[in-house]
Structures are given as structure tokens and as C-alpha cells.
Amino acid sequence: MDNLELAKMANEIRKGIVTAVHSAKAGHPGGSLSAADIFTYLYFEEMNIDPENPDKPERDRFVLSKGHTAPGLYSTLAHRGFFPVEDLTTLRKLGSYLQGHPCMQHIPGVDMSTGSLGQGISAAAGMALGGKLDNRDYRVYTLLGDGEIEEGQVWEAAMFAGFHKLDNLVVVVDNNGLQIDGPIDQVCSPYPIDKKFEAFNFHVINIDAHDFDTIRGAFKEAKETKGMPTAIIAHSLKGKGVSFMEGNVAWHGTAPNDEQYAVAMADLEKVGEALCQK
């Protein structure tokens, strides 16, 4: 897909996020929206995956370490063809397979059940080491929140990955600057994020999380990096695409009401119309 096609798909994924959270009357839209462009690039351009055969052994793996942003992952999987887009409206409902955090037993395309912050990167590092030990060619990608990296287990996993030279592992940090309690630099600052990963023997790339040229370049650079894992620090805007959610920590884990939903969808429709003019 070219950059315009990716941008259009990311906008559709954002619509799916807002629709799912509104239908559930609960969920985490802010960090799902900030990561939508990363989700889009991974699933529509970067990863070796097959919706018709989601468990194929040679597939690339993805672990959503910040599992609460499941609406972003679900919308991406649905638009990629792993399950019907219409099912997004069942988010968090009784009997639905789309619960508040990803479950690998019930959701096609989900490689790891996550939700307890800090644990996803450990699972991803284990998958990457497993691939090395079995002489497999698959790559492993994991997405972390910048508030999540305040968890100590993240840095244990980083030490492990750097020590074992896991060059088949790519860690992406969605650096939107906000967590549930406020700005990350006021809660328990993880900065400088890039220098910390460098200290654990990672190749580090800083990017604009909403620019597909830089996203494309970063993942290409990660594939070309040998002998060490890569950390991509994706500088993003929380709530990206929805006017009243952008940069507003209140939308970390709040669902829009009917009126707010209408405004949000109108915002995204305008984005889509602008993209169609290009």
C-alpha cells in the first residue's frame, strides 16, 4: 500500500475504534487512536500474516503489551479480514469474543493474551528467542505504552533481549506523553526513553508516529539491523483524529456519549474527505 492508501485505512481503523468504544460504553480510545497509524502499517504493510490462516507457523508475531488499547488492535484485525468489522460493536459485551483485553484463545490473529502492563514485552522477547533457537525466520513486534514502561518488568525484558542479541524483535513505544494519571513526566518520568533502550543494547529510532514515510523507514531500518533488537520511539498524539480527544488525558479510558460520538465520527469523516481530495 502507498502512503495515501495507508492513511485512508488508518482513518477507517480510527472510526472502528470510536464505534467500538461508544457501543461498549467503556474502553480506551486515546491510546488506541494514537497508535492507529502504527497498527495500520504493521498489519497492512510490514508483517507476514494471513487472515485465512492466522496460525500459520511462519507468520510474524505481534504482542499488544499495552493490552488496554485492544480497540485499536481489534479494529485493525477486523479491517484486515480476521473477523467481521460489524463485530466491533460487540466490544466488552456479555458473550462477545472481543473483551476488554486481547485473548489469544478466542480472537483470530491475537498471538498473546495481554493486559497486565509490562508483561507483553517479556512474552515477545521469549517468542523472539524461540525463533532464534528453532532457526525460524519470523519476526516479533510488540507495542508498549509510554506510561507502561514505568513497569520494572519492561526493563528486565529489555536487558534479556539486548543480551541475547534478538535482532528479530522490534519494540515500539507509543510515546503520546499521557497516561491514566496525567502527563508521564509528572507521574513517574521514563525519559529519556531512547537512551534507556540504548543502555540495554538496543538500536533506537525516533519517529513521528503519524508520518508513514518515517514509519516505513524505521521498520526498514529495523529489518536491516543485525546483532541487536530495535526500539522505535513513536512520538504520537493521544486521541489523534478526534478534535476533543486530542492531547486530552481524560480520554485515556472514557467512552464517548451519543453526542460526542457524532462529533468524533464527523471529525473522522472530514479527515477521510480530505484524503480523498489528494
C-alpha atoms as a PDB file:
ATOM      1  CA  MET A   1       0.000   0.000   0.000  1.00  0.00           C
ATOM      2  CA  ASP A   2       1.195   3.528  -0.683  1.00  0.00           C
ATOM      3  CA  ASN A   3       1.101   6.228   1.979  1.00  0.00           C
ATOM      4  CA  LEU A   4      -2.276   7.618   0.896  1.00  0.00           C
ATOM      5  CA  GLU A   5      -3.862   4.169   0.990  1.00  0.00           C
ATOM      6  CA  LEU A   6      -2.374   3.592   4.432  1.00  0.00           C
ATOM      7  CA  ALA A   7      -3.691   6.950   5.677  1.00  0.00           C
ATOM      8  CA  LYS A   8      -7.187   6.143   4.412  1.00  0.00           C
ATOM      9  CA  MET A   9      -7.103   2.749   6.114  1.00  0.00           C
ATOM     10  CA  ALA A  10      -5.833   4.268   9.369  1.00  0.00           C
ATOM     11  CA  ASN A  11      -8.793   6.642   9.297  1.00  0.00           C
ATOM     12  CA  GLU A  12     -11.202   3.723   8.866  1.00  0.00           C
ATOM     13  CA  ILE A  13      -9.490   1.963  11.764  1.00  0.00           C
ATOM     14  CA  ARG A  14      -9.980   5.074  13.890  1.00  0.00           C
ATOM     15  CA  LYS A  15     -13.682   5.038  13.023  1.00  0.00           C
ATOM     16  CA  GLY A  16     -13.822   1.416  14.167  1.00  0.00           C
ATOM     17  CA  ILE A  17     -12.124   2.312  17.448  1.00  0.00           C
ATOM     18  CA  VAL A  18     -14.561   5.100  18.255  1.00  0.00           C
ATOM     19  CA  THR A  19     -17.555   2.990  17.208  1.00  0.00           C
ATOM     20  CA  ALA A  20     -16.473   0.025  19.336  1.00  0.00           C
ATOM     21  CA  VAL A  21     -15.816   2.065  22.478  1.00  0.00           C
ATOM     22  CA  HIS A  22     -19.043   4.017  22.061  1.00  0.00           C
ATOM     23  CA  SER A  23     -21.020   0.798  21.665  1.00  0.00           C
ATOM     24  CA  ALA A  24     -19.383  -0.728  24.738  1.00  0.00           C
ATOM     25  CA  LYS A  25     -19.812   2.446  26.791  1.00  0.00           C
ATOM     26  CA  ALA A  26     -16.339   1.632  28.110  1.00  0.00           C
ATOM     27  CA  GLY A  27     -12.809   1.203  26.849  1.00  0.00           C
ATOM     28  CA  HIS A  28      -9.649   3.087  25.981  1.00  0.00           C
ATOM     29  CA  PRO A  29      -9.904   5.336  22.917  1.00  0.00           C
ATOM     30  CA  GLY A  30      -6.995   7.743  23.499  1.00  0.00           C
ATOM     31  CA  GLY A  31      -4.081   5.340  23.206  1.00  0.00           C
ATOM     32  CA  SER A  32      -5.851   3.298  20.542  1.00  0.00           C
ATOM     33  CA  LEU A  33      -6.185   6.375  18.335  1.00  0.00           C
ATOM     34  CA  SER A  34      -2.584   7.477  18.906  1.00  0.00           C
ATOM     35  CA  ALA A  35      -1.314   4.077  17.762  1.00  0.00           C
ATOM     36  CA  ALA A  36      -3.661   3.640  14.783  1.00  0.00           C
ATOM     37  CA  ASP A  37      -1.044   4.535  12.175  1.00  0.00           C
ATOM     38  CA  ILE A  38       1.438   2.069  13.695  1.00  0.00           C
ATOM     39  CA  PHE A  39      -1.231  -0.659  13.767  1.00  0.00           C
ATOM     40  CA  THR A  40      -2.072   0.092  10.152  1.00  0.00           C
ATOM     41  CA  TYR A  41       1.490  -0.091   8.893  1.00  0.00           C
ATOM     42  CA  LEU A  42       2.221  -3.294  10.769  1.00  0.00           C
ATOM     43  CA  TYR A  43      -0.841  -5.196   9.587  1.00  0.00           C
ATOM     44  CA  PHE A  44      -1.202  -3.835   6.052  1.00  0.00           C
ATOM     45  CA  GLU A  45       2.429  -3.456   5.029  1.00  0.00           C
ATOM     46  CA  GLU A  46       5.036  -4.829   7.414  1.00  0.00           C
ATOM     47  CA  MET A  47       4.070  -8.193   8.846  1.00  0.00           C
ATOM     48  CA  ASN A  48       3.943 -11.596   7.176  1.00  0.00           C
ATOM     49  CA  ILE A  49       0.408 -12.647   8.166  1.00  0.00           C
ATOM     50  CA  ASP A  50      -2.562 -14.356   6.547  1.00  0.00           C
ATOM     51  CA  PRO A  51      -6.141 -13.752   7.770  1.00  0.00           C
ATOM     52  CA  GLU A  52      -7.163 -17.013   6.081  1.00  0.00           C
ATOM     53  CA  ASN A  53      -4.546 -18.909   8.090  1.00  0.00           C
ATOM     54  CA  PRO A  54      -3.935 -16.856  11.260  1.00  0.00           C
ATOM     55  CA  ASP A  55      -1.923 -19.589  12.990  1.00  0.00           C
ATOM     56  CA  LYS A  56       0.493 -20.406  10.184  1.00  0.00           C
ATOM     57  CA  PRO A  57       3.849 -21.316  11.809  1.00  0.00           C
ATOM     58  CA  GLU A  58       5.946 -18.967   9.674  1.00  0.00           C
ATOM     59  CA  ARG A  59       3.842 -15.861  10.422  1.00  0.00           C
ATOM     60  CA  ASP A  60       5.285 -12.812  12.118  1.00  0.00           C
ATOM     61  CA  ARG A  61       4.078 -12.325  15.687  1.00  0.00           C
ATOM     62  CA  PHE A  62       2.563  -9.239  17.323  1.00  0.00           C
ATOM     63  CA  VAL A  63       2.082  -8.675  21.052  1.00  0.00           C
ATOM     64  CA  LEU A  64      -0.017  -5.743  22.266  1.00  0.00           C
ATOM     65  CA  SER A  65       1.840  -5.126  25.504  1.00  0.00           C
ATOM     66  CA  LYS A  66      -0.426  -2.185  26.327  1.00  0.00           C
ATOM     67  CA  GLY A  67      -3.398  -4.527  26.207  1.00  0.00           C
ATOM     68  CA  HIS A  68      -5.970  -1.960  27.288  1.00  0.00           C
ATOM     69  CA  THR A  69      -5.773  -0.426  23.800  1.00  0.00           C
ATOM     70  CA  ALA A  70      -7.468  -3.548  22.457  1.00  0.00           C
ATOM     71  CA  PRO A  71      -9.993  -1.424  20.490  1.00  0.00           C
ATOM     72  CA  GLY A  72      -7.128  -0.333  18.250  1.00  0.00           C
ATOM     73  CA  LEU A  73      -5.947  -3.881  17.675  1.00  0.00           C
ATOM     74  CA  TYR A  74      -9.475  -5.220  17.164  1.00  0.00           C
ATOM     75  CA  SER A  75     -10.354  -2.563  14.605  1.00  0.00           C
ATOM     76  CA  THR A  76      -7.133  -3.300  12.727  1.00  0.00           C
ATOM     77  CA  LEU A  77      -7.690  -7.051  12.748  1.00  0.00           C
ATOM     78  CA  ALA A  78     -11.272  -6.600  11.564  1.00  0.00           C
ATOM     79  CA  HIS A  79     -10.312  -4.316   8.687  1.00  0.00           C
ATOM     80  CA  ARG A  80      -7.505  -6.714   7.753  1.00  0.00           C
ATOM     81  CA  GLY A  81     -10.062  -9.509   7.433  1.00  0.00           C
ATOM     82  CA  PHE A  82      -9.508 -11.629  10.525  1.00  0.00           C
ATOM     83  CA  PHE A  83     -13.157 -11.233  11.568  1.00  0.00           C
ATOM     84  CA  PRO A  84     -16.166  -9.097  10.531  1.00  0.00           C
ATOM     85  CA  VAL A  85     -15.953  -5.343  11.060  1.00  0.00           C
ATOM     86  CA  GLU A  86     -19.549  -5.484  12.299  1.00  0.00           C
ATOM     87  CA  ASP A  87     -18.388  -7.458  15.331  1.00  0.00           C
ATOM     88  CA  LEU A  88     -16.595  -4.378  16.690  1.00  0.00           C
ATOM     89  CA  THR A  89     -19.921  -3.204  18.138  1.00  0.00           C
ATOM     90  CA  THR A  90     -19.893  -6.240  20.453  1.00  0.00           C
ATOM     91  CA  LEU A  91     -16.822  -4.950  22.319  1.00  0.00           C
ATOM     92  CA  ARG A  92     -16.973  -5.830  26.035  1.00  0.00           C
ATOM     93  CA  LYS A  93     -20.498  -7.206  25.763  1.00  0.00           C
ATOM     94  CA  LEU A  94     -21.517 -10.392  27.557  1.00  0.00           C
ATOM     95  CA  GLY A  95     -20.775 -13.398  25.358  1.00  0.00           C
ATOM     96  CA  SER A  96     -18.616 -11.488  22.872  1.00  0.00           C
ATOM     97  CA  TYR A  97     -15.162 -12.775  21.987  1.00  0.00           C
ATOM     98  CA  LEU A  98     -13.976  -9.152  21.871  1.00  0.00           C
ATOM     99  CA  GLN A  99     -13.411  -8.440  25.538  1.00  0.00           C
ATOM    100  CA  GLY A 100     -11.599  -5.510  27.143  1.00  0.00           C
ATOM    101  CA  HIS A 101      -8.171  -7.076  26.701  1.00  0.00           C
ATOM    102  CA  PRO A 102      -6.906  -9.385  23.930  1.00  0.00           C
ATOM    103  CA  CYS A 103      -7.409 -13.126  24.419  1.00  0.00           C
ATOM    104  CA  MET A 104      -5.406 -15.489  22.219  1.00  0.00           C
ATOM    105  CA  GLN A 105      -7.794 -18.385  22.841  1.00  0.00           C
ATOM    106  CA  HIS A 106     -10.800 -16.690  21.267  1.00  0.00           C
ATOM    107  CA  ILE A 107      -9.692 -13.964  18.831  1.00  0.00           C
ATOM    108  CA  PRO A 108      -8.242 -14.810  15.403  1.00  0.00           C
ATOM    109  CA  GLY A 109      -4.930 -13.044  14.850  1.00  0.00           C
ATOM    110  CA  VAL A 110      -4.098 -12.471  18.515  1.00  0.00           C
ATOM    111  CA  ASP A 111      -0.771 -14.095  19.399  1.00  0.00           C
ATOM    112  CA  MET A 112      -0.697 -13.312  23.127  1.00  0.00           C
ATOM    113  CA  SER A 113      -3.237 -12.548  25.853  1.00  0.00           C
ATOM    114  CA  THR A 114      -2.247  -9.259  27.475  1.00  0.00           C
ATOM    115  CA  GLY A 115      -3.481  -6.647  29.884  1.00  0.00           C
ATOM    116  CA  SER A 116      -1.179  -6.759  32.884  1.00  0.00           C
ATOM    117  CA  LEU A 117       1.161  -3.930  31.982  1.00  0.00           C
ATOM    118  CA  GLY A 118       4.815  -4.792  31.424  1.00  0.00           C
ATOM    119  CA  GLN A 119       4.313  -8.452  30.649  1.00  0.00           C
ATOM    120  CA  GLY A 120       3.765  -8.266  26.882  1.00  0.00           C
ATOM    121  CA  ILE A 121       7.335  -7.301  26.047  1.00  0.00           C
ATOM    122  CA  SER A 122       8.563 -10.284  28.078  1.00  0.00           C
ATOM    123  CA  ALA A 123       6.360 -12.627  26.062  1.00  0.00           C
ATOM    124  CA  ALA A 124       7.562 -11.018  22.833  1.00  0.00           C
ATOM    125  CA  ALA A 125      11.199 -11.448  23.842  1.00  0.00           C
ATOM    126  CA  GLY A 126      10.520 -15.109  24.605  1.00  0.00           C
ATOM    127  CA  MET A 127       8.902 -15.582  21.182  1.00  0.00           C
ATOM    128  CA  ALA A 128      11.891 -13.942  19.524  1.00  0.00           C
ATOM    129  CA  LEU A 129      14.359 -16.158  21.374  1.00  0.00           C
ATOM    130  CA  GLY A 130      12.260 -19.196  20.474  1.00  0.00           C
ATOM    131  CA  GLY A 131      12.516 -18.246  16.819  1.00  0.00           C
ATOM    132  CA  LYS A 132      16.284 -17.988  17.107  1.00  0.00           C
ATOM    133  CA  LEU A 133      16.612 -21.357  18.858  1.00  0.00           C
ATOM    134  CA  ASP A 134      14.412 -23.053  16.251  1.00  0.00           C
ATOM    135  CA  ASN A 135      16.176 -21.339  13.322  1.00  0.00           C
ATOM    136  CA  ARG A 136      12.886 -19.762  12.207  1.00  0.00           C
ATOM    137  CA  ASP A 137      12.670 -16.604  10.104  1.00  0.00           C
ATOM    138  CA  TYR A 138       9.644 -14.959  11.700  1.00  0.00           C
ATOM    139  CA  ARG A 139       9.903 -11.541  13.309  1.00  0.00           C
ATOM    140  CA  VAL A 140       8.249 -10.378  16.538  1.00  0.00           C
ATOM    141  CA  TYR A 141       6.729  -6.945  17.121  1.00  0.00           C
ATOM    142  CA  THR A 142       5.402  -5.534  20.369  1.00  0.00           C
ATOM    143  CA  LEU A 143       3.695  -2.218  21.168  1.00  0.00           C
ATOM    144  CA  LEU A 144       4.136  -0.608  24.571  1.00  0.00           C
ATOM    145  CA  GLY A 145       2.649   2.487  26.150  1.00  0.00           C
ATOM    146  CA  ASP A 146       4.983   5.164  27.456  1.00  0.00           C
ATOM    147  CA  GLY A 147       3.252   5.008  30.837  1.00  0.00           C
ATOM    148  CA  GLU A 148       3.608   1.233  30.746  1.00  0.00           C
ATOM    149  CA  ILE A 149       7.396   1.459  30.571  1.00  0.00           C
ATOM    150  CA  GLU A 150       7.372   2.704  34.156  1.00  0.00           C
ATOM    151  CA  GLU A 151       6.935  -1.019  34.975  1.00  0.00           C
ATOM    152  CA  GLY A 152      10.200  -2.651  36.060  1.00  0.00           C
ATOM    153  CA  GLN A 153       9.490  -5.842  34.136  1.00  0.00           C
ATOM    154  CA  VAL A 154       9.844  -3.880  30.891  1.00  0.00           C
ATOM    155  CA  TRP A 155      13.493  -3.230  31.649  1.00  0.00           C
ATOM    156  CA  GLU A 156      14.161  -6.811  32.703  1.00  0.00           C
ATOM    157  CA  ALA A 157      12.831  -7.874  29.309  1.00  0.00           C
ATOM    158  CA  ALA A 158      14.909  -5.214  27.573  1.00  0.00           C
ATOM    159  CA  MET A 159      18.046  -6.448  29.337  1.00  0.00           C
ATOM    160  CA  PHE A 160      17.207 -10.012  28.285  1.00  0.00           C
ATOM    161  CA  ALA A 161      16.564  -9.039  24.650  1.00  0.00           C
ATOM    162  CA  GLY A 162      19.712  -6.967  24.363  1.00  0.00           C
ATOM    163  CA  PHE A 163      21.869  -9.635  25.974  1.00  0.00           C
ATOM    164  CA  HIS A 164      20.567 -12.321  23.602  1.00  0.00           C
ATOM    165  CA  LYS A 165      21.010 -10.049  20.563  1.00  0.00           C
ATOM    166  CA  LEU A 166      17.406 -10.575  19.446  1.00  0.00           C
ATOM    167  CA  ASP A 167      17.550  -8.776  16.105  1.00  0.00           C
ATOM    168  CA  ASN A 168      14.220 -10.377  15.167  1.00  0.00           C
ATOM    169  CA  LEU A 169      12.485  -8.296  17.865  1.00  0.00           C
ATOM    170  CA  VAL A 170      11.070  -4.794  17.337  1.00  0.00           C
ATOM    171  CA  VAL A 171       9.754  -2.890  20.349  1.00  0.00           C
ATOM    172  CA  VAL A 172       7.543   0.106  19.554  1.00  0.00           C
ATOM    173  CA  VAL A 173       6.810   2.638  22.297  1.00  0.00           C
ATOM    174  CA  ASP A 174       3.691   4.735  21.693  1.00  0.00           C
ATOM    175  CA  ASN A 175       5.058   7.942  23.189  1.00  0.00           C
ATOM    176  CA  ASN A 176       1.925  10.104  23.426  1.00  0.00           C
ATOM    177  CA  GLY A 177       3.060  11.650  26.699  1.00  0.00           C
ATOM    178  CA  LEU A 178      -0.086  10.855  28.697  1.00  0.00           C
ATOM    179  CA  GLN A 179      -1.141   8.032  30.999  1.00  0.00           C
ATOM    180  CA  ILE A 180      -4.222   7.499  33.144  1.00  0.00           C
ATOM    181  CA  ASP A 181      -2.977   9.768  35.958  1.00  0.00           C
ATOM    182  CA  GLY A 182      -1.675  12.576  33.743  1.00  0.00           C
ATOM    183  CA  PRO A 183       1.483  13.554  31.834  1.00  0.00           C
ATOM    184  CA  ILE A 184       4.074  10.796  32.100  1.00  0.00           C
ATOM    185  CA  ASP A 185       6.832  13.229  33.032  1.00  0.00           C
ATOM    186  CA  GLN A 186       4.788  14.268  36.074  1.00  0.00           C
ATOM    187  CA  VAL A 187       3.678  10.790  37.183  1.00  0.00           C
ATOM    188  CA  CYS A 188       6.971   8.889  37.044  1.00  0.00           C
ATOM    189  CA  SER A 189       9.097  10.124  34.166  1.00  0.00           C
ATOM    190  CA  PRO A 190      10.618   7.430  31.952  1.00  0.00           C
ATOM    191  CA  TYR A 191      12.631   9.988  29.991  1.00  0.00           C
ATOM    192  CA  PRO A 192      14.996   9.806  28.194  1.00  0.00           C
ATOM    193  CA  ILE A 193      13.343   6.736  26.673  1.00  0.00           C
ATOM    194  CA  ASP A 194      15.765   6.374  23.788  1.00  0.00           C
ATOM    195  CA  LYS A 195      18.872   6.490  25.974  1.00  0.00           C
ATOM    196  CA  LYS A 196      17.438   3.871  28.318  1.00  0.00           C
ATOM    197  CA  PHE A 197      16.882   1.395  25.487  1.00  0.00           C
ATOM    198  CA  GLU A 198      20.331   2.175  24.107  1.00  0.00           C
ATOM    199  CA  ALA A 199      21.782   1.284  27.506  1.00  0.00           C
ATOM    200  CA  PHE A 200      20.216  -2.179  27.136  1.00  0.00           C
ATOM    201  CA  ASN A 201      21.922  -2.683  23.749  1.00  0.00           C
ATOM    202  CA  PHE A 202      19.000  -1.755  21.504  1.00  0.00           C
ATOM    203  CA  HIS A 203      19.237   0.002  18.183  1.00  0.00           C
ATOM    204  CA  VAL A 204      16.942   3.006  18.718  1.00  0.00           C
ATOM    205  CA  ILE A 205      14.956   5.035  16.170  1.00  0.00           C
ATOM    206  CA  ASN A 206      12.842   8.097  16.987  1.00  0.00           C
ATOM    207  CA  ILE A 207       9.931   8.771  14.623  1.00  0.00           C
ATOM    208  CA  ASP A 208       6.777  10.791  14.059  1.00  0.00           C
ATOM    209  CA  ALA A 209       4.094   8.158  14.714  1.00  0.00           C
ATOM    210  CA  HIS A 210       1.721   9.800  12.233  1.00  0.00           C
ATOM    211  CA  ASP A 211       4.038  10.074   9.216  1.00  0.00           C
ATOM    212  CA  PHE A 212       4.045   6.983   7.029  1.00  0.00           C
ATOM    213  CA  ASP A 213       7.346   7.902   5.352  1.00  0.00           C
ATOM    214  CA  THR A 214       9.147   7.853   8.684  1.00  0.00           C
ATOM    215  CA  ILE A 215       7.228   4.784   9.869  1.00  0.00           C
ATOM    216  CA  ARG A 216       8.192   2.928   6.687  1.00  0.00           C
ATOM    217  CA  GLY A 217      11.825   3.979   7.018  1.00  0.00           C
ATOM    218  CA  ALA A 218      12.014   2.913  10.650  1.00  0.00           C
ATOM    219  CA  PHE A 219      10.734  -0.612  10.065  1.00  0.00           C
ATOM    220  CA  LYS A 220      13.059  -0.983   7.058  1.00  0.00           C
ATOM    221  CA  GLU A 221      15.974   0.110   9.243  1.00  0.00           C
ATOM    222  CA  ALA A 222      14.927  -2.362  11.931  1.00  0.00           C
ATOM    223  CA  LYS A 223      14.998  -5.235   9.414  1.00  0.00           C
ATOM    224  CA  GLU A 224      18.466  -4.225   8.323  1.00  0.00           C
ATOM    225  CA  THR A 225      19.801  -4.049  11.883  1.00  0.00           C
ATOM    226  CA  LYS A 226      21.732  -7.173  12.863  1.00  0.00           C
ATOM    227  CA  GLY A 227      23.001  -8.374  16.227  1.00  0.00           C
ATOM    228  CA  MET A 228      20.670  -6.283  18.399  1.00  0.00           C
ATOM    229  CA  PRO A 229      16.936  -5.659  18.891  1.00  0.00           C
ATOM    230  CA  THR A 230      15.360  -2.422  17.728  1.00  0.00           C
ATOM    231  CA  ALA A 231      13.274   0.043  19.740  1.00  0.00           C
ATOM    232  CA  ILE A 232      11.154   2.516  17.781  1.00  0.00           C
ATOM    233  CA  ILE A 233      10.106   5.500  19.881  1.00  0.00           C
ATOM    234  CA  ALA A 234       6.930   6.647  18.122  1.00  0.00           C
ATOM    235  CA  HIS A 235       6.109  10.231  19.116  1.00  0.00           C
ATOM    236  CA  SER A 236       2.330  10.437  18.849  1.00  0.00           C
ATOM    237  CA  LEU A 237      -0.746  12.474  19.765  1.00  0.00           C
ATOM    238  CA  LYS A 238      -3.149  10.848  22.174  1.00  0.00           C
ATOM    239  CA  GLY A 239      -6.664  10.788  20.729  1.00  0.00           C
ATOM    240  CA  LYS A 240      -5.345  11.516  17.215  1.00  0.00           C
ATOM    241  CA  GLY A 241      -8.094  12.334  14.725  1.00  0.00           C
ATOM    242  CA  VAL A 242     -10.851  13.316  17.157  1.00  0.00           C
ATOM    243  CA  SER A 243     -10.821  17.030  17.970  1.00  0.00           C
ATOM    244  CA  PHE A 244     -11.951  16.905  21.596  1.00  0.00           C
ATOM    245  CA  MET A 245      -9.841  13.836  22.444  1.00  0.00           C
ATOM    246  CA  GLU A 246      -6.516  15.043  21.046  1.00  0.00           C
ATOM    247  CA  GLY A 247      -3.981  15.671  23.807  1.00  0.00           C
ATOM    248  CA  ASN A 248      -6.652  15.260  26.488  1.00  0.00           C
ATOM    249  CA  VAL A 249      -5.801  12.775  29.237  1.00  0.00           C
ATOM    250  CA  ALA A 250      -9.492  12.477  30.171  1.00  0.00           C
ATOM    251  CA  TRP A 251      -9.934  10.227  27.122  1.00  0.00           C
ATOM    252  CA  HIS A 252      -7.426   7.642  28.249  1.00  0.00           C
ATOM    253  CA  GLY A 253     -10.200   5.323  29.366  1.00  0.00           C
ATOM    254  CA  THR A 254     -13.523   7.077  28.756  1.00  0.00           C
ATOM    255  CA  ALA A 255     -16.212   6.236  26.202  1.00  0.00           C
ATOM    256  CA  PRO A 256     -17.968   8.994  24.231  1.00  0.00           C
ATOM    257  CA  ASN A 257     -21.685   9.507  24.749  1.00  0.00           C
ATOM    258  CA  ASP A 258     -24.055   9.735  21.758  1.00  0.00           C
ATOM    259  CA  GLU A 259     -23.452  13.425  21.141  1.00  0.00           C
ATOM    260  CA  GLN A 260     -19.679  13.077  21.465  1.00  0.00           C
ATOM    261  CA  TYR A 261     -19.742  10.028  19.205  1.00  0.00           C
ATOM    262  CA  ALA A 262     -21.467  12.038  16.494  1.00  0.00           C
ATOM    263  CA  VAL A 263     -18.829  14.770  16.732  1.00  0.00           C
ATOM    264  CA  ALA A 264     -15.996  12.224  16.680  1.00  0.00           C
ATOM    265  CA  MET A 265     -17.326  10.465  13.596  1.00  0.00           C
ATOM    266  CA  ALA A 266     -17.870  13.804  11.861  1.00  0.00           C
ATOM    267  CA  ASP A 267     -14.240  14.698  12.576  1.00  0.00           C
ATOM    268  CA  LEU A 268     -13.065  11.438  11.046  1.00  0.00           C
ATOM    269  CA  GLU A 269     -15.387  11.830   8.058  1.00  0.00           C
ATOM    270  CA  LYS A 270     -13.751  15.209   7.377  1.00  0.00           C
ATOM    271  CA  VAL A 271     -10.319  13.584   7.545  1.00  0.00           C
ATOM    272  CA  GLY A 272     -11.467  10.949   5.079  1.00  0.00           C
ATOM    273  CA  GLU A 273     -12.904  13.560   2.704  1.00  0.00           C
ATOM    274  CA  ALA A 274      -9.635  15.498   2.788  1.00  0.00           C
ATOM    275  CA  LEU A 275      -7.663  12.344   1.992  1.00  0.00           C
ATOM    276  CA  CYS A 276      -9.943  11.638  -0.976  1.00  0.00           C
ATOM    277  CA  GLN A 277      -9.006  15.033  -2.428  1.00  0.00           C
ATOM    278  CA  LYS A 278      -5.321  14.108  -2.586  1.00  0.00           C
END
